[in-house]
Amino acid sequence: MNRDFFIDNLKTIFYALIIALIIRSLVLQPFYIPSSSMEPNLLVGDRIFVTKYSYGYSKHSFPFSPPIFKDRLLNSKPVRGDIIVFKTPSDNRTDYIKRLIGLPGDTIQFIDGDLYVNNNQILKSIMSKVDQIFCGNEKISVKTFEEKLPNGRKYVASYRKQNSFKNSDEFVVPKKHYFFLGDNRDCSKDSRFLTSVGYVHENNLVGKAQFIFFSSDYKKGYFIEFWKWHKSIRYGRFFKKIL
């Protein structure tokens, strides 16, 4: 009896792990936001769900990126403005999350602090001049704008009030590659930094960020400190759609 009970439980655990692996690889995967590069839209401590099927599948859809096939299967092109998790080209291992700005063949450039796509200035509408957001552990004063991309997609981005990123060379996005920026424009390692991130190959796309399912501020208390939940857990961010 004990032997049969033990085997039945092992089978149950095995099947549960297989089902979880399939869901994680093909449908939905949770991610933790560890940095402030996407503030004010994503905060450190947000836990999000990413749909794996949105752009098809590559080896990076699976744990440990096994070399089971070369290109993407069921490939679907991302939309400019999507917030996407991808593997960094520098090591093909580290997960980054940024906003898609440049498509293959696009030219991207910053001129006097304004973003240009294909020589057209991206419209910025000021929302606030007195916001403060994090850059690492430091709070910085920013101006917050609503930006509108050529496809009509709108989102919020923040720029330092002082010493903000002003000018760049012209970036020309190669075939089958994409150009990403963080919404926290002066506190983001993204495609502007060619040696560390640069242009991201389509095979490195992991999935599309969809919504926040949980959020907590570790600075105000760790999750195990249940007596601090009223301060640390951001209940208002639960099930918030990511735009």
Protein backbone atom coordinates (compact mmCIF):
# COMPACT_ATOMS: atom_id res chain seq x y z
CA MET A 1 0.00 0.00 0.00
CA ASN A 2 2.73 2.47 0.98
CA ARG A 3 4.67 1.68 -2.21
CA ASP A 4 1.60 2.28 -4.42
CA PHE A 5 0.83 5.52 -2.56
CA PHE A 6 4.40 6.72 -3.08
CA ILE A 7 4.37 5.89 -6.81
CA ASP A 8 0.97 7.56 -7.34
CA ASN A 9 2.22 10.74 -5.70
CA LEU A 10 5.38 10.73 -7.80
CA LYS A 11 3.26 10.39 -10.93
CA THR A 12 1.03 13.27 -9.85
CA ILE A 13 4.03 15.51 -9.21
CA PHE A 14 5.64 14.48 -12.52
CA TYR A 15 2.48 15.24 -14.53
CA ALA A 16 2.01 18.55 -12.73
CA LEU A 17 5.58 19.57 -13.58
CA ILE A 18 5.07 18.61 -17.23
CA ILE A 19 1.86 20.65 -17.44
CA ALA A 20 3.53 23.62 -15.72
CA LEU A 21 6.47 23.40 -18.14
CA ILE A 22 4.16 23.35 -21.16
CA ILE A 23 2.17 26.36 -19.89
CA ARG A 24 5.36 28.28 -19.06
CA SER A 25 6.96 27.53 -22.42
CA LEU A 26 3.99 27.90 -24.75
CA VAL A 27 1.33 30.00 -23.06
CA LEU A 28 2.11 32.22 -20.08
CA GLN A 29 5.20 32.92 -17.99
CA PRO A 30 5.57 35.08 -14.87
CA PHE A 31 8.42 37.58 -14.60
CA TYR A 32 9.68 39.81 -11.80
CA ILE A 33 10.64 43.45 -12.49
CA PRO A 34 14.08 43.94 -10.85
CA SER A 35 15.02 47.43 -12.09
CA SER A 36 13.58 50.89 -12.53
CA SER A 37 14.26 51.15 -16.28
CA MET A 38 10.56 51.03 -17.16
CA GLU A 39 9.28 53.49 -14.57
CA PRO A 40 6.77 55.05 -14.29
CA ASN A 41 4.90 52.21 -16.02
CA LEU A 42 6.56 49.21 -14.36
CA LEU A 43 7.95 49.41 -10.83
CA VAL A 44 10.58 47.33 -9.06
CA GLY A 45 8.63 44.57 -7.35
CA ASP A 46 5.93 44.23 -10.01
CA ARG A 47 5.26 40.66 -11.03
CA ILE A 48 3.89 40.35 -14.53
CA PHE A 49 2.53 37.76 -16.92
CA VAL A 50 4.03 37.50 -20.40
CA THR A 51 2.27 35.67 -23.23
CA LYS A 52 4.71 33.35 -24.98
CA TYR A 53 2.55 32.78 -28.06
CA SER A 54 2.30 36.44 -29.09
CA TYR A 55 5.27 36.38 -31.50
CA GLY A 56 5.67 32.65 -32.05
CA TYR A 57 8.36 30.47 -30.53
CA SER A 58 12.14 30.26 -30.61
CA LYS A 59 14.62 28.29 -28.54
CA HIS A 60 14.39 31.09 -25.96
CA SER A 61 10.76 30.20 -25.33
CA PHE A 62 11.97 27.19 -23.36
CA PRO A 63 13.98 26.92 -20.12
CA PHE A 64 17.75 27.05 -20.70
CA SER A 65 17.21 27.94 -24.41
CA PRO A 66 17.85 24.46 -25.84
CA PRO A 67 19.02 24.54 -29.51
CA ILE A 68 16.04 22.54 -30.73
CA PHE A 69 15.37 24.73 -33.78
CA LYS A 70 17.10 27.63 -35.50
CA ASP A 71 14.42 30.21 -36.33
CA ARG A 72 11.00 31.11 -34.96
CA LEU A 73 8.00 28.85 -35.33
CA LEU A 74 4.56 30.39 -35.95
CA ASN A 75 6.34 33.73 -36.26
CA SER A 76 4.16 36.80 -35.71
CA LYS A 77 5.56 40.31 -35.99
CA PRO A 78 5.48 42.54 -32.89
CA VAL A 79 3.77 45.91 -32.97
CA ARG A 80 5.65 49.15 -32.40
CA GLY A 81 5.00 50.22 -28.81
CA ASP A 82 4.68 46.72 -27.36
CA ILE A 83 6.46 46.06 -24.07
CA ILE A 84 8.48 42.91 -24.69
CA VAL A 85 10.68 40.53 -22.73
CA PHE A 86 13.76 39.47 -24.70
CA LYS A 87 17.12 37.80 -24.21
CA THR A 88 19.99 40.26 -24.39
CA PRO A 89 22.18 39.75 -27.48
CA SER A 90 25.34 40.07 -25.38
CA ASP A 91 24.81 36.72 -23.64
CA ASN A 92 21.54 35.28 -25.04
CA ARG A 93 20.65 34.43 -21.45
CA THR A 94 19.62 37.51 -19.47
CA ASP A 95 15.97 38.61 -19.64
CA TYR A 96 15.34 42.31 -20.32
CA ILE A 97 12.03 44.11 -20.64
CA LYS A 98 11.73 47.27 -22.77
CA ARG A 99 9.40 49.05 -25.18
CA LEU A 100 9.68 48.33 -28.89
CA ILE A 101 10.42 51.54 -30.78
CA GLY A 102 12.23 50.59 -33.99
CA LEU A 103 11.27 47.96 -36.57
CA PRO A 104 13.61 46.43 -39.18
CA GLY A 105 14.79 49.11 -41.59
CA ASP A 106 13.84 52.04 -39.31
CA THR A 107 16.17 54.89 -38.45
CA ILE A 108 16.12 56.05 -34.82
CA GLN A 109 17.79 59.16 -33.43
CA PHE A 110 17.65 61.57 -30.49
CA ILE A 111 18.02 65.24 -31.41
CA ASP A 112 17.96 67.88 -28.66
CA GLY A 113 16.21 65.44 -26.35
CA ASP A 114 13.47 64.52 -28.82
CA LEU A 115 12.98 61.06 -30.29
CA TYR A 116 12.86 60.72 -34.07
CA VAL A 117 11.69 57.65 -36.00
CA ASN A 118 12.42 57.67 -39.73
CA ASN A 119 13.23 61.39 -39.51
CA ASN A 120 9.84 62.19 -37.99
CA GLN A 121 9.74 63.66 -34.50
CA ILE A 122 7.68 61.64 -32.03
CA LEU A 123 4.97 63.84 -30.56
CA LYS A 124 5.47 64.53 -26.84
CA SER A 125 2.74 66.04 -24.68
CA ILE A 126 3.78 67.19 -21.22
CA MET A 127 1.87 65.54 -18.40
CA SER A 128 3.88 66.65 -15.37
CA LYS A 129 6.99 68.67 -14.58
CA VAL A 130 7.26 67.70 -10.90
CA ASP A 131 7.35 63.89 -10.81
CA GLN A 132 9.95 61.83 -8.98
CA ILE A 133 10.82 58.27 -9.94
CA PHE A 134 13.60 55.86 -9.06
CA CYS A 135 16.87 55.29 -10.87
CA GLY A 136 18.29 52.37 -8.94
CA ASN A 137 18.04 53.40 -5.29
CA GLU A 138 18.17 57.10 -6.14
CA LYS A 139 15.08 59.23 -6.62
CA ILE A 140 15.33 61.57 -9.60
CA SER A 141 13.23 64.54 -10.66
CA VAL A 142 11.69 64.03 -14.08
CA LYS A 143 9.35 65.51 -16.62
CA THR A 144 6.67 63.04 -17.63
CA PHE A 145 5.34 63.00 -21.18
CA GLU A 146 2.79 61.14 -23.21
CA GLU A 147 4.45 60.04 -26.44
CA LYS A 148 2.61 59.01 -29.59
CA LEU A 149 4.27 56.65 -32.06
CA PRO A 150 3.61 56.67 -35.84
CA ASN A 151 1.07 53.85 -35.49
CA GLY A 152 -0.93 55.89 -32.97
CA ARG A 153 0.27 53.94 -29.93
CA LYS A 154 0.46 56.15 -26.83
CA TYR A 155 2.44 55.57 -23.65
CA VAL A 156 4.10 57.47 -20.81
CA ALA A 157 7.84 58.18 -20.71
CA SER A 158 9.99 60.16 -18.29
CA TYR A 159 13.10 62.30 -18.83
CA ARG A 160 15.42 63.79 -16.23
CA LYS A 161 14.81 67.47 -15.56
CA GLN A 162 18.58 68.01 -15.61
CA ASN A 163 21.29 66.34 -17.71
CA SER A 164 18.82 64.37 -19.76
CA PHE A 165 19.95 62.34 -22.79
CA LYS A 166 20.02 64.82 -25.67
CA ASN A 167 21.67 63.63 -28.86
CA SER A 168 22.67 60.36 -30.43
CA ASP A 169 24.04 58.99 -33.64
CA GLU A 170 21.52 57.70 -36.13
CA PHE A 171 20.63 54.06 -35.46
CA VAL A 172 19.63 52.01 -38.51
CA VAL A 173 17.81 48.84 -37.47
CA PRO A 174 19.09 45.78 -39.39
CA LYS A 175 16.88 43.19 -41.06
CA LYS A 176 15.16 40.83 -38.58
CA HIS A 177 16.19 43.04 -35.65
CA TYR A 178 14.41 45.46 -33.33
CA PHE A 179 15.28 48.61 -31.39
CA PHE A 180 14.12 48.95 -27.76
CA LEU A 181 14.02 51.81 -25.26
CA GLY A 182 13.21 51.96 -21.55
CA ASP A 183 10.38 54.31 -20.55
CA ASN A 184 12.69 55.72 -17.85
CA ARG A 185 14.77 57.25 -20.61
CA ASP A 186 17.74 58.40 -18.53
CA CYS A 187 17.98 55.24 -16.45
CA SER A 188 17.82 52.42 -18.95
CA LYS A 189 20.40 50.20 -20.59
CA ASP A 190 18.73 49.56 -23.93
CA SER A 191 19.35 49.52 -27.68
CA ARG A 192 21.19 52.85 -27.53
CA PHE A 193 24.08 50.93 -25.94
CA LEU A 194 25.33 48.80 -28.81
CA THR A 195 27.99 46.87 -26.89
CA SER A 196 25.65 45.65 -24.13
CA VAL A 197 22.19 45.51 -25.73
CA GLY A 198 22.04 47.06 -29.19
CA TYR A 199 19.78 45.68 -31.88
CA VAL A 200 17.78 42.62 -30.81
CA HIS A 201 17.29 39.73 -33.23
CA GLU A 202 13.74 38.46 -33.67
CA ASN A 203 14.79 35.06 -32.34
CA ASN A 204 15.60 36.69 -28.98
CA LEU A 205 12.01 37.79 -28.35
CA VAL A 206 10.50 35.86 -25.44
CA GLY A 207 7.00 37.29 -25.19
CA LYS A 208 4.67 40.23 -24.75
CA ALA A 209 4.04 41.77 -21.32
CA GLN A 210 0.29 41.75 -20.67
CA PHE A 211 -0.61 42.58 -17.07
CA ILE A 212 0.65 42.88 -13.50
CA PHE A 213 -0.70 40.14 -11.24
CA PHE A 214 1.11 41.12 -8.01
CA SER A 215 3.25 44.00 -6.76
CA SER A 216 5.13 44.75 -3.56
CA ASP A 217 7.68 47.33 -2.44
CA TYR A 218 10.55 45.52 -0.72
CA LYS A 219 11.79 48.86 0.67
CA LYS A 220 8.72 48.89 2.89
CA GLY A 221 8.85 45.25 3.91
CA TYR A 222 9.49 41.77 2.58
CA PHE A 223 6.59 39.49 1.71
CA ILE A 224 7.22 37.20 4.70
CA GLU A 225 6.72 40.22 6.99
CA PHE A 226 2.93 39.92 6.87
CA TRP A 227 2.53 42.61 9.52
CA LYS A 228 3.88 45.12 6.96
CA TRP A 229 1.63 44.06 4.10
CA HIS A 230 -0.52 47.17 4.49
CA LYS A 231 2.56 49.22 3.59
CA SER A 232 4.49 46.98 1.22
CA ILE A 233 1.85 45.39 -1.02
CA ARG A 234 0.61 47.61 -3.84
CA TYR A 235 -2.94 46.33 -4.06
CA GLY A 236 -3.89 49.00 -6.61
CA ARG A 237 -1.50 47.46 -9.16
CA PHE A 238 -3.02 43.96 -9.05
CA PHE A 239 -4.28 42.85 -12.51
CA LYS A 240 -3.32 46.17 -14.07
CA LYS A 241 -3.03 45.94 -17.86
CA ILE A 242 0.39 46.89 -19.24
CA LEU A 243 0.18 49.61 -21.89
